[in-house]
Amino acid sequence: MNSELAARLFATTGEDTHNLTDPSVAHLMVHHDQVVSSREVPGLDVKAEHAGGALAVRFRVAPGSRIQHPVHLCFGMMPESGVQKIVMDVEIGAGAAVAVRSHCTFPFAVDVLHTMDAEIRVGEGAEYYYFERHVHPASGGVTVVPKAKVHLAAGAFFQTEFELLKGRVGKLDIDYETFCQADSVMEMRARINGTGDDVLLINETGHLLGERARGVLTSFIALRDRATAEIRNKLVASAPYARGHVDCKEIVQGQASASAIPVVVVNHPLAHVTHEAAIGSVDTRQLETLMARGLDEDAAVELIIQGMLSRG
């Protein structure tokens, strides 16, 4: 363990470093392919080992366990270049509940590749809240490729939020697929600010397989300069009383370009799925109101964009 490196890495995320020393708060800090600090709490079992050129992380919450404080995960690299490959195997036992705050931080990246390949199983009646924040430099020298298969048992709840608001995105390629059984709930949200020549690709699919399964896919994207984004969100409802909604909002400035492809498929007469997509520049009335109050155009645009992203 390297407590000094763990503290330096964690400090770049903006989180309170007290969480590293609090014995009631579980954490796992990974620098490149090495675990530099970890702590478990009752009901939580986390193991990491090298396998096939990647760091394989096994994350288990025992059935019925309700983890009191958010678990902090941090995957990062301080050097300017390198490759980090993480394989996550997550199982949340029946009736358990846990919230995770995960940070991927590459503050000095010039040429960094980060991949995450996850298999997630949320047991019957269990709850899994997953918040992922990325910290990138202004250079945009990061390629991020997160992929996940998520399986929700009957009555399970899964909420995930991906946030990248500061620093350049670089290249981002998200691919998530979720399978929802009866009475389960899935909420997936992305909030991303792209500039320069950033490239954003989001491909999210939710399968509402069981009766009364519910799902929401939401994307809030801001693009400026020459940044590009392609958002593909798909919901498939195949059971009675399954309900879902797809929502994508994108603000485009400068020479940026965006596409949103919401797809809804209904395979049962008692299921219902809706979708909404909006792409455009900042609202003219909002812009004029803010400029009338003394802001210049650039500051007003920034305020509108940050407001949209924060509401996401």
C-alpha atoms as a PDB file:
ATOM      1  CA  MET A   1       0.000   0.000   0.000  1.00  0.00           C
ATOM      2  CA  ASN A   2       1.154   3.528  -0.756  1.00  0.00           C
ATOM      3  CA  SER A   3      -0.886   5.951   1.337  1.00  0.00           C
ATOM      4  CA  GLU A   4       0.937   9.039  -0.002  1.00  0.00           C
ATOM      5  CA  LEU A   5       0.209   8.162  -3.644  1.00  0.00           C
ATOM      6  CA  ALA A   6      -3.374   7.252  -2.763  1.00  0.00           C
ATOM      7  CA  ALA A   7      -3.891  10.651  -1.131  1.00  0.00           C
ATOM      8  CA  ARG A   8      -2.377  12.500  -4.123  1.00  0.00           C
ATOM      9  CA  LEU A   9      -4.537  10.559  -6.542  1.00  0.00           C
ATOM     10  CA  PHE A  10      -7.712  11.030  -4.516  1.00  0.00           C
ATOM     11  CA  ALA A  11      -7.044  14.757  -4.042  1.00  0.00           C
ATOM     12  CA  THR A  12      -7.297  15.291  -7.818  1.00  0.00           C
ATOM     13  CA  THR A  13     -10.959  14.187  -7.703  1.00  0.00           C
ATOM     14  CA  GLY A  14     -12.050  17.025  -5.434  1.00  0.00           C
ATOM     15  CA  GLU A  15     -13.402  14.580  -2.849  1.00  0.00           C
ATOM     16  CA  ASP A  16     -12.739  14.954   0.865  1.00  0.00           C
ATOM     17  CA  THR A  17      -9.539  12.992   1.592  1.00  0.00           C
ATOM     18  CA  HIS A  18     -10.941  12.254   5.053  1.00  0.00           C
ATOM     19  CA  ASN A  19     -12.793   9.398   3.344  1.00  0.00           C
ATOM     20  CA  LEU A  20      -9.450   7.602   2.940  1.00  0.00           C
ATOM     21  CA  THR A  21      -8.788   7.550   6.682  1.00  0.00           C
ATOM     22  CA  ASP A  22     -12.318   7.113   8.049  1.00  0.00           C
ATOM     23  CA  PRO A  23     -12.567   3.458   9.193  1.00  0.00           C
ATOM     24  CA  SER A  24     -16.311   3.417   8.494  1.00  0.00           C
ATOM     25  CA  VAL A  25     -15.853   4.300   4.794  1.00  0.00           C
ATOM     26  CA  ALA A  26     -14.774   1.599   2.341  1.00  0.00           C
ATOM     27  CA  HIS A  27     -12.507   2.454  -0.564  1.00  0.00           C
ATOM     28  CA  LEU A  28     -10.315   1.065  -3.338  1.00  0.00           C
ATOM     29  CA  MET A  29      -7.597   3.260  -4.887  1.00  0.00           C
ATOM     30  CA  VAL A  30      -5.909   2.019  -8.068  1.00  0.00           C
ATOM     31  CA  HIS A  31      -2.946   3.743  -9.721  1.00  0.00           C
ATOM     32  CA  HIS A  32      -2.242   2.354 -13.199  1.00  0.00           C
ATOM     33  CA  ASP A  33      -2.549  -1.401 -12.453  1.00  0.00           C
ATOM     34  CA  GLN A  34      -1.630  -1.359  -8.767  1.00  0.00           C
ATOM     35  CA  VAL A  35      -3.859  -1.132  -5.688  1.00  0.00           C
ATOM     36  CA  VAL A  36      -2.354   1.669  -3.580  1.00  0.00           C
ATOM     37  CA  SER A  37      -4.968   1.679  -0.802  1.00  0.00           C
ATOM     38  CA  SER A  38      -8.090  -0.261   0.165  1.00  0.00           C
ATOM     39  CA  ARG A  39     -10.509  -0.790   3.011  1.00  0.00           C
ATOM     40  CA  GLU A  40     -13.527  -3.064   3.408  1.00  0.00           C
ATOM     41  CA  VAL A  41     -16.461  -2.754   5.783  1.00  0.00           C
ATOM     42  CA  PRO A  42     -18.810  -5.458   7.097  1.00  0.00           C
ATOM     43  CA  GLY A  43     -20.992  -6.822   4.309  1.00  0.00           C
ATOM     44  CA  LEU A  44     -18.599  -5.693   1.545  1.00  0.00           C
ATOM     45  CA  ASP A  45     -15.896  -7.832  -0.043  1.00  0.00           C
ATOM     46  CA  VAL A  46     -13.542  -6.296  -2.639  1.00  0.00           C
ATOM     47  CA  LYS A  47     -10.623  -8.144  -4.191  1.00  0.00           C
ATOM     48  CA  ALA A  48      -8.261  -7.138  -7.008  1.00  0.00           C
ATOM     49  CA  GLU A  49      -5.752  -9.245  -8.921  1.00  0.00           C
ATOM     50  CA  HIS A  50      -3.911  -9.154 -12.222  1.00  0.00           C
ATOM     51  CA  ALA A  51      -5.410 -11.291 -14.973  1.00  0.00           C
ATOM     52  CA  GLY A  52      -4.876 -11.263 -18.731  1.00  0.00           C
ATOM     53  CA  GLY A  53      -3.129  -7.900 -18.855  1.00  0.00           C
ATOM     54  CA  ALA A  54      -5.845  -6.185 -16.808  1.00  0.00           C
ATOM     55  CA  LEU A  55      -6.638  -5.544 -13.160  1.00  0.00           C
ATOM     56  CA  ALA A  56      -9.628  -7.716 -12.279  1.00  0.00           C
ATOM     57  CA  VAL A  57     -11.757  -6.292  -9.459  1.00  0.00           C
ATOM     58  CA  ARG A  58     -14.304  -8.482  -7.684  1.00  0.00           C
ATOM     59  CA  PHE A  59     -16.923  -6.405  -5.835  1.00  0.00           C
ATOM     60  CA  ARG A  60     -19.463  -8.196  -3.611  1.00  0.00           C
ATOM     61  CA  VAL A  61     -22.166  -6.960  -1.249  1.00  0.00           C
ATOM     62  CA  ALA A  62     -23.584  -9.748   0.928  1.00  0.00           C
ATOM     63  CA  PRO A  63     -27.337 -10.447   0.743  1.00  0.00           C
ATOM     64  CA  GLY A  64     -29.297  -8.208   3.092  1.00  0.00           C
ATOM     65  CA  SER A  65     -26.323  -5.934   3.818  1.00  0.00           C
ATOM     66  CA  ARG A  66     -26.967  -2.201   3.605  1.00  0.00           C
ATOM     67  CA  ILE A  67     -23.667  -0.333   3.396  1.00  0.00           C
ATOM     68  CA  GLN A  68     -24.041   2.845   5.448  1.00  0.00           C
ATOM     69  CA  HIS A  69     -21.592   5.169   3.665  1.00  0.00           C
ATOM     70  CA  PRO A  70     -20.819   5.479  -0.048  1.00  0.00           C
ATOM     71  CA  VAL A  71     -17.955   3.261  -1.197  1.00  0.00           C
ATOM     72  CA  HIS A  72     -15.192   5.259  -2.893  1.00  0.00           C
ATOM     73  CA  LEU A  73     -13.481   3.803  -5.953  1.00  0.00           C
ATOM     74  CA  CYS A  74     -10.664   5.635  -7.699  1.00  0.00           C
ATOM     75  CA  PHE A  75      -8.973   4.484 -10.905  1.00  0.00           C
ATOM     76  CA  GLY A  76      -6.305   6.804 -12.222  1.00  0.00           C
ATOM     77  CA  MET A  77      -2.838   7.570 -13.507  1.00  0.00           C
ATOM     78  CA  MET A  78      -0.555  10.446 -12.639  1.00  0.00           C
ATOM     79  CA  PRO A  79       1.920   9.977 -15.551  1.00  0.00           C
ATOM     80  CA  GLU A  80       1.304  11.604 -18.933  1.00  0.00           C
ATOM     81  CA  SER A  81       0.981   8.323 -20.840  1.00  0.00           C
ATOM     82  CA  GLY A  82       0.014   4.729 -20.264  1.00  0.00           C
ATOM     83  CA  VAL A  83      -2.747   2.128 -20.476  1.00  0.00           C
ATOM     84  CA  GLN A  84      -5.123   1.180 -17.686  1.00  0.00           C
ATOM     85  CA  LYS A  85      -7.400  -1.829 -18.178  1.00  0.00           C
ATOM     86  CA  ILE A  86      -9.959  -2.645 -15.497  1.00  0.00           C
ATOM     87  CA  VAL A  87     -12.314  -5.625 -15.443  1.00  0.00           C
ATOM     88  CA  MET A  88     -15.128  -5.310 -12.892  1.00  0.00           C
ATOM     89  CA  ASP A  89     -17.243  -8.192 -11.627  1.00  0.00           C
ATOM     90  CA  VAL A  90     -19.998  -6.770  -9.412  1.00  0.00           C
ATOM     91  CA  GLU A  91     -22.626  -8.691  -7.480  1.00  0.00           C
ATOM     92  CA  ILE A  92     -25.123  -7.036  -5.144  1.00  0.00           C
ATOM     93  CA  GLY A  93     -26.856  -9.707  -3.073  1.00  0.00           C
ATOM     94  CA  ALA A  94     -30.614  -9.970  -2.667  1.00  0.00           C
ATOM     95  CA  GLY A  95     -32.041  -7.240  -0.439  1.00  0.00           C
ATOM     96  CA  ALA A  96     -28.676  -5.436  -0.190  1.00  0.00           C
ATOM     97  CA  ALA A  97     -28.060  -1.755  -0.824  1.00  0.00           C
ATOM     98  CA  VAL A  98     -24.889   0.175  -1.670  1.00  0.00           C
ATOM     99  CA  ALA A  99     -23.907   3.516  -3.191  1.00  0.00           C
ATOM    100  CA  VAL A 100     -20.595   3.881  -5.024  1.00  0.00           C
ATOM    101  CA  ARG A 101     -18.737   7.082  -5.874  1.00  0.00           C
ATOM    102  CA  SER A 102     -16.254   6.184  -8.576  1.00  0.00           C
ATOM    103  CA  HIS A 103     -13.618   8.526  -9.991  1.00  0.00           C
ATOM    104  CA  CYS A 104     -11.434   8.054 -13.033  1.00  0.00           C
ATOM    105  CA  THR A 105      -8.705  10.668 -12.834  1.00  0.00           C
ATOM    106  CA  PHE A 106      -5.926  11.409 -15.325  1.00  0.00           C
ATOM    107  CA  PRO A 107      -4.925  14.989 -14.448  1.00  0.00           C
ATOM    108  CA  PHE A 108      -1.747  15.182 -16.542  1.00  0.00           C
ATOM    109  CA  ALA A 109      -2.653  12.909 -19.451  1.00  0.00           C
ATOM    110  CA  VAL A 110      -1.123  13.412 -22.876  1.00  0.00           C
ATOM    111  CA  ASP A 111      -1.697   9.889 -24.224  1.00  0.00           C
ATOM    112  CA  VAL A 112      -3.694   7.708 -21.829  1.00  0.00           C
ATOM    113  CA  LEU A 113      -6.034   4.819 -22.608  1.00  0.00           C
ATOM    114  CA  HIS A 114      -8.520   3.743 -19.918  1.00  0.00           C
ATOM    115  CA  THR A 115     -10.827   0.785 -20.504  1.00  0.00           C
ATOM    116  CA  MET A 116     -13.443  -0.609 -18.150  1.00  0.00           C
ATOM    117  CA  ASP A 117     -15.258  -3.872 -18.851  1.00  0.00           C
ATOM    118  CA  ALA A 118     -17.929  -4.598 -16.244  1.00  0.00           C
ATOM    119  CA  GLU A 119     -20.401  -7.382 -15.517  1.00  0.00           C
ATOM    120  CA  ILE A 120     -22.970  -6.247 -12.947  1.00  0.00           C
ATOM    121  CA  ARG A 121     -25.641  -8.353 -11.241  1.00  0.00           C
ATOM    122  CA  VAL A 122     -28.127  -6.717  -8.863  1.00  0.00           C
ATOM    123  CA  GLY A 123     -30.070  -9.281  -6.853  1.00  0.00           C
ATOM    124  CA  GLU A 124     -33.754  -9.470  -6.043  1.00  0.00           C
ATOM    125  CA  GLY A 125     -34.931  -6.347  -4.233  1.00  0.00           C
ATOM    126  CA  ALA A 126     -31.367  -4.973  -4.074  1.00  0.00           C
ATOM    127  CA  GLU A 127     -30.286  -1.367  -4.722  1.00  0.00           C
ATOM    128  CA  TYR A 128     -27.122  -0.233  -6.501  1.00  0.00           C
ATOM    129  CA  TYR A 129     -26.336   3.469  -6.964  1.00  0.00           C
ATOM    130  CA  TYR A 130     -23.247   4.206  -9.066  1.00  0.00           C
ATOM    131  CA  PHE A 131     -21.893   7.711  -9.672  1.00  0.00           C
ATOM    132  CA  GLU A 132     -18.835   8.038 -11.952  1.00  0.00           C
ATOM    133  CA  ARG A 133     -16.937  11.295 -12.326  1.00  0.00           C
ATOM    134  CA  HIS A 134     -14.032  11.761 -14.727  1.00  0.00           C
ATOM    135  CA  VAL A 135     -11.176  14.202 -14.199  1.00  0.00           C
ATOM    136  CA  HIS A 136      -9.288  15.037 -17.390  1.00  0.00           C
ATOM    137  CA  PRO A 137      -6.730  17.730 -18.298  1.00  0.00           C
ATOM    138  CA  ALA A 138      -7.295  20.578 -20.738  1.00  0.00           C
ATOM    139  CA  SER A 139      -5.151  18.773 -23.339  1.00  0.00           C
ATOM    140  CA  GLY A 140      -7.747  16.112 -24.161  1.00  0.00           C
ATOM    141  CA  GLY A 141      -5.153  13.335 -24.180  1.00  0.00           C
ATOM    142  CA  VAL A 142      -7.449  10.611 -22.819  1.00  0.00           C
ATOM    143  CA  THR A 143      -9.334   7.798 -24.518  1.00  0.00           C
ATOM    144  CA  VAL A 144     -12.013   6.246 -22.303  1.00  0.00           C
ATOM    145  CA  VAL A 145     -13.838   3.040 -23.243  1.00  0.00           C
ATOM    146  CA  PRO A 146     -16.318   1.870 -20.571  1.00  0.00           C
ATOM    147  CA  LYS A 147     -18.493  -1.159 -21.338  1.00  0.00           C
ATOM    148  CA  ALA A 148     -20.985  -2.921 -19.079  1.00  0.00           C
ATOM    149  CA  LYS A 149     -23.613  -5.637 -19.025  1.00  0.00           C
ATOM    150  CA  VAL A 150     -26.116  -5.095 -16.197  1.00  0.00           C
ATOM    151  CA  HIS A 151     -28.582  -7.730 -14.999  1.00  0.00           C
ATOM    152  CA  LEU A 152     -31.403  -6.666 -12.673  1.00  0.00           C
ATOM    153  CA  ALA A 153     -33.343  -9.344 -10.809  1.00  0.00           C
ATOM    154  CA  ALA A 154     -36.996  -8.917  -9.831  1.00  0.00           C
ATOM    155  CA  GLY A 155     -37.567  -5.735  -7.833  1.00  0.00           C
ATOM    156  CA  ALA A 156     -33.960  -4.551  -8.162  1.00  0.00           C
ATOM    157  CA  PHE A 157     -33.020  -0.870  -8.502  1.00  0.00           C
ATOM    158  CA  PHE A 158     -30.031   0.365 -10.511  1.00  0.00           C
ATOM    159  CA  GLN A 159     -29.041   3.994 -10.981  1.00  0.00           C
ATOM    160  CA  THR A 160     -25.889   5.117 -12.761  1.00  0.00           C
ATOM    161  CA  GLU A 161     -24.645   8.612 -13.570  1.00  0.00           C
ATOM    162  CA  PHE A 162     -21.635   9.470 -15.730  1.00  0.00           C
ATOM    163  CA  GLU A 163     -20.209  12.979 -15.318  1.00  0.00           C
ATOM    164  CA  LEU A 164     -17.431  14.675 -17.291  1.00  0.00           C
ATOM    165  CA  LEU A 165     -17.738  18.445 -16.942  1.00  0.00           C
ATOM    166  CA  LYS A 166     -14.189  19.740 -16.407  1.00  0.00           C
ATOM    167  CA  GLY A 167     -11.204  19.255 -18.683  1.00  0.00           C
ATOM    168  CA  ARG A 168     -11.322  17.907 -22.223  1.00  0.00           C
ATOM    169  CA  VAL A 169     -13.134  14.671 -22.934  1.00  0.00           C
ATOM    170  CA  GLY A 170     -10.627  13.435 -25.505  1.00  0.00           C
ATOM    171  CA  LYS A 171     -12.364  10.371 -26.935  1.00  0.00           C
ATOM    172  CA  LEU A 172     -15.190   8.680 -25.047  1.00  0.00           C
ATOM    173  CA  ASP A 173     -16.938   5.492 -26.169  1.00  0.00           C
ATOM    174  CA  ILE A 174     -19.638   4.299 -23.728  1.00  0.00           C
ATOM    175  CA  ASP A 175     -21.444   0.996 -24.334  1.00  0.00           C
ATOM    176  CA  TYR A 176     -23.945  -0.134 -21.666  1.00  0.00           C
ATOM    177  CA  GLU A 177     -26.649  -2.798 -21.921  1.00  0.00           C
ATOM    178  CA  THR A 178     -29.148  -3.518 -19.142  1.00  0.00           C
ATOM    179  CA  PHE A 179     -31.590  -6.417 -18.721  1.00  0.00           C
ATOM    180  CA  CYS A 180     -34.516  -5.691 -16.381  1.00  0.00           C
ATOM    181  CA  GLN A 181     -36.740  -8.338 -14.815  1.00  0.00           C
ATOM    182  CA  ALA A 182     -40.174  -7.849 -13.227  1.00  0.00           C
ATOM    183  CA  ASP A 183     -40.664  -4.724 -11.088  1.00  0.00           C
ATOM    184  CA  SER A 184     -37.052  -3.659 -11.501  1.00  0.00           C
ATOM    185  CA  VAL A 185     -36.041  -0.046 -12.161  1.00  0.00           C
ATOM    186  CA  MET A 186     -33.143   1.201 -14.278  1.00  0.00           C
ATOM    187  CA  GLU A 187     -32.017   4.844 -14.523  1.00  0.00           C
ATOM    188  CA  MET A 188     -28.982   5.754 -16.633  1.00  0.00           C
ATOM    189  CA  ARG A 189     -27.801   9.329 -17.011  1.00  0.00           C
ATOM    190  CA  ALA A 190     -24.833  11.019 -18.737  1.00  0.00           C
ATOM    191  CA  ARG A 191     -23.741  14.663 -18.358  1.00  0.00           C
ATOM    192  CA  ILE A 192     -20.797  15.612 -20.576  1.00  0.00           C
ATOM    193  CA  ASN A 193     -19.149  18.846 -21.728  1.00  0.00           C
ATOM    194  CA  GLY A 194     -17.151  18.477 -24.956  1.00  0.00           C
ATOM    195  CA  THR A 195     -14.748  21.059 -26.432  1.00  0.00           C
ATOM    196  CA  GLY A 196     -11.848  21.234 -28.880  1.00  0.00           C
ATOM    197  CA  ASP A 197     -11.913  18.173 -31.126  1.00  0.00           C
ATOM    198  CA  ASP A 198     -13.428  15.853 -28.513  1.00  0.00           C
ATOM    199  CA  VAL A 199     -15.312  12.786 -29.769  1.00  0.00           C
ATOM    200  CA  LEU A 200     -18.252  11.384 -27.792  1.00  0.00           C
ATOM    201  CA  LEU A 201     -19.968   8.102 -28.586  1.00  0.00           C
ATOM    202  CA  ILE A 202     -22.721   6.828 -26.311  1.00  0.00           C
ATOM    203  CA  ASN A 203     -24.536   3.574 -26.976  1.00  0.00           C
ATOM    204  CA  GLU A 204     -26.983   2.595 -24.213  1.00  0.00           C
ATOM    205  CA  THR A 205     -29.638  -0.108 -24.428  1.00  0.00           C
ATOM    206  CA  GLY A 206     -32.239  -1.155 -21.887  1.00  0.00           C
ATOM    207  CA  HIS A 207     -34.309  -4.342 -22.162  1.00  0.00           C
ATOM    208  CA  LEU A 208     -37.529  -4.197 -20.104  1.00  0.00           C
ATOM    209  CA  LEU A 209     -38.129  -7.933 -19.934  1.00  0.00           C
ATOM    210  CA  GLY A 210     -40.368  -8.375 -16.894  1.00  0.00           C
ATOM    211  CA  GLU A 211     -43.816  -7.146 -15.938  1.00  0.00           C
ATOM    212  CA  ARG A 212     -43.831  -3.562 -14.642  1.00  0.00           C
ATOM    213  CA  ALA A 213     -40.118  -3.130 -15.362  1.00  0.00           C
ATOM    214  CA  ARG A 214     -39.209   0.535 -15.776  1.00  0.00           C
ATOM    215  CA  GLY A 215     -36.289   2.283 -17.422  1.00  0.00           C
ATOM    216  CA  VAL A 216     -35.049   5.791 -18.227  1.00  0.00           C
ATOM    217  CA  LEU A 217     -32.089   6.721 -20.431  1.00  0.00           C
ATOM    218  CA  THR A 218     -31.062  10.379 -20.209  1.00  0.00           C
ATOM    219  CA  SER A 219     -28.211  12.281 -21.880  1.00  0.00           C
ATOM    220  CA  PHE A 220     -27.296  15.962 -21.426  1.00  0.00           C
ATOM    221  CA  ILE A 221     -24.469  16.957 -23.773  1.00  0.00           C
ATOM    222  CA  ALA A 222     -22.819  20.319 -24.486  1.00  0.00           C
ATOM    223  CA  LEU A 223     -20.489  20.646 -27.485  1.00  0.00           C
ATOM    224  CA  ARG A 224     -18.290  23.524 -28.588  1.00  0.00           C
ATOM    225  CA  ASP A 225     -15.445  24.220 -31.032  1.00  0.00           C
ATOM    226  CA  ARG A 226     -15.102  21.130 -33.281  1.00  0.00           C
ATOM    227  CA  ALA A 227     -16.374  18.524 -30.821  1.00  0.00           C
ATOM    228  CA  THR A 228     -18.669  15.796 -32.126  1.00  0.00           C
ATOM    229  CA  ALA A 229     -21.175  13.486 -30.460  1.00  0.00           C
ATOM    230  CA  GLU A 230     -23.276  10.544 -31.531  1.00  0.00           C
ATOM    231  CA  ILE A 231     -25.841   9.405 -28.975  1.00  0.00           C
ATOM    232  CA  ARG A 232     -27.704   6.124 -29.480  1.00  0.00           C
ATOM    233  CA  ASN A 233     -30.208   5.312 -26.748  1.00  0.00           C
ATOM    234  CA  LYS A 234     -32.535   2.335 -27.127  1.00  0.00           C
ATOM    235  CA  LEU A 235     -35.310   0.972 -24.932  1.00  0.00           C
ATOM    236  CA  VAL A 236     -37.056  -2.317 -25.693  1.00  0.00           C
ATOM    237  CA  ALA A 237     -40.256  -3.129 -23.743  1.00  0.00           C
ATOM    238  CA  SER A 238     -41.347  -6.753 -23.985  1.00  0.00           C
ATOM    239  CA  ALA A 239     -43.651  -7.318 -21.019  1.00  0.00           C
ATOM    240  CA  PRO A 240     -47.040  -6.129 -19.704  1.00  0.00           C
ATOM    241  CA  TYR A 241     -46.995  -2.704 -18.019  1.00  0.00           C
ATOM    242  CA  ALA A 242     -43.323  -2.128 -18.775  1.00  0.00           C
ATOM    243  CA  ARG A 243     -42.668   1.612 -18.934  1.00  0.00           C
ATOM    244  CA  GLY A 244     -39.721   3.581 -20.289  1.00  0.00           C
ATOM    245  CA  HIS A 245     -38.493   6.950 -21.532  1.00  0.00           C
ATOM    246  CA  VAL A 246     -35.499   8.089 -23.596  1.00  0.00           C
ATOM    247  CA  ASP A 247     -34.404  11.733 -23.332  1.00  0.00           C
ATOM    248  CA  CYS A 248     -31.447  13.378 -25.081  1.00  0.00           C
ATOM    249  CA  LYS A 249     -30.654  17.099 -24.980  1.00  0.00           C
ATOM    250  CA  GLU A 250     -27.611  18.546 -26.758  1.00  0.00           C
ATOM    251  CA  ILE A 251     -26.370  22.140 -27.021  1.00  0.00           C
ATOM    252  CA  VAL A 252     -24.119  22.819 -30.019  1.00  0.00           C
ATOM    253  CA  GLN A 253     -21.877  25.876 -30.427  1.00  0.00           C
ATOM    254  CA  GLY A 254     -19.225  26.884 -32.953  1.00  0.00           C
ATOM    255  CA  GLN A 255     -18.340  24.153 -35.482  1.00  0.00           C
ATOM    256  CA  ALA A 256     -19.442  21.304 -33.224  1.00  0.00           C
ATOM    257  CA  SER A 257     -21.848  18.674 -34.512  1.00  0.00           C
ATOM    258  CA  ALA A 258     -24.195  16.246 -32.809  1.00  0.00           C
ATOM    259  CA  SER A 259     -26.601  13.461 -33.611  1.00  0.00           C
ATOM    260  CA  ALA A 260     -29.175  11.814 -31.363  1.00  0.00           C
ATOM    261  CA  ILE A 261     -30.752   8.503 -32.298  1.00  0.00           C
ATOM    262  CA  PRO A 262     -33.431   7.529 -29.771  1.00  0.00           C
ATOM    263  CA  VAL A 263     -34.925   4.106 -30.517  1.00  0.00           C
ATOM    264  CA  VAL A 264     -37.982   2.689 -28.794  1.00  0.00           C
ATOM    265  CA  VAL A 265     -39.298  -0.811 -29.423  1.00  0.00           C
ATOM    266  CA  VAL A 266     -42.508  -2.158 -27.910  1.00  0.00           C
ATOM    267  CA  ASN A 267     -43.166  -5.892 -28.123  1.00  0.00           C
ATOM    268  CA  HIS A 268     -46.266  -6.103 -25.926  1.00  0.00           C
ATOM    269  CA  PRO A 269     -49.619  -4.281 -26.281  1.00  0.00           C
ATOM    270  CA  LEU A 270     -49.634  -3.312 -22.585  1.00  0.00           C
ATOM    271  CA  ALA A 271     -46.141  -1.796 -22.609  1.00  0.00           C
ATOM    272  CA  HIS A 272     -45.422   1.899 -23.196  1.00  0.00           C
ATOM    273  CA  VAL A 273     -42.191   3.729 -24.085  1.00  0.00           C
ATOM    274  CA  THR A 274     -41.682   7.386 -25.003  1.00  0.00           C
ATOM    275  CA  HIS A 275     -38.750   9.385 -26.326  1.00  0.00           C
ATOM    276  CA  GLU A 276     -37.583  12.966 -26.728  1.00  0.00           C
ATOM    277  CA  ALA A 277     -34.528  14.466 -28.419  1.00  0.00           C
ATOM    278  CA  ALA A 278     -33.530  18.109 -28.772  1.00  0.00           C
ATOM    279  CA  ILE A 279     -30.407  19.503 -30.460  1.00  0.00           C
ATOM    280  CA  GLY A 280     -29.659  23.182 -30.910  1.00  0.00           C
ATOM    281  CA  SER A 281     -27.856  26.289 -29.782  1.00  0.00           C
ATOM    282  CA  VAL A 282     -28.398  28.032 -26.478  1.00  0.00           C
ATOM    283  CA  ASP A 283     -31.813  29.605 -25.955  1.00  0.00           C
ATOM    284  CA  THR A 284     -31.832  33.138 -27.445  1.00  0.00           C
ATOM    285  CA  ARG A 285     -34.130  34.555 -24.782  1.00  0.00           C
ATOM    286  CA  GLN A 286     -31.971  33.218 -21.969  1.00  0.00           C
ATOM    287  CA  LEU A 287     -28.874  34.603 -23.669  1.00  0.00           C
ATOM    288  CA  GLU A 288     -30.405  38.062 -24.117  1.00  0.00           C
ATOM    289  CA  THR A 289     -31.655  38.135 -20.514  1.00  0.00           C
ATOM    290  CA  LEU A 290     -28.232  37.300 -19.098  1.00  0.00           C
ATOM    291  CA  MET A 291     -26.446  39.798 -21.354  1.00  0.00           C
ATOM    292  CA  ALA A 292     -28.939  42.490 -20.310  1.00  0.00           C
ATOM    293  CA  ARG A 293     -27.821  41.814 -16.739  1.00  0.00           C
ATOM    294  CA  GLY A 294     -24.211  42.615 -17.578  1.00  0.00           C
ATOM    295  CA  LEU A 295     -22.681  39.319 -18.731  1.00  0.00           C
ATOM    296  CA  ASP A 296     -20.768  39.219 -21.994  1.00  0.00           C
ATOM    297  CA  GLU A 297     -21.846  36.627 -24.577  1.00  0.00           C
ATOM    298  CA  ASP A 298     -19.192  34.024 -23.719  1.00  0.00           C
ATOM    299  CA  ALA A 299     -19.954  34.184 -19.989  1.00  0.00           C
ATOM    300  CA  ALA A 300     -23.696  34.010 -20.664  1.00  0.00           C
ATOM    301  CA  VAL A 301     -23.311  30.953 -22.913  1.00  0.00           C
ATOM    302  CA  GLU A 302     -21.153  29.245 -20.284  1.00  0.00           C
ATOM    303  CA  LEU A 303     -23.725  29.913 -17.580  1.00  0.00           C
ATOM    304  CA  ILE A 304     -26.550  28.481 -19.694  1.00  0.00           C
ATOM    305  CA  ILE A 305     -24.546  25.365 -20.545  1.00  0.00           C
ATOM    306  CA  GLN A 306     -23.515  24.742 -16.933  1.00  0.00           C
ATOM    307  CA  GLY A 307     -27.121  25.227 -15.870  1.00  0.00           C
ATOM    308  CA  MET A 308     -28.309  22.609 -18.339  1.00  0.00           C
ATOM    309  CA  LEU A 309     -25.618  20.135 -17.305  1.00  0.00           C
ATOM    310  CA  SER A 310     -26.165  20.653 -13.585  1.00  0.00           C
ATOM    311  CA  ARG A 311     -29.917  20.088 -13.949  1.00  0.00           C
ATOM    312  CA  GLY A 312     -29.177  16.815 -15.633  1.00  0.00           C
END
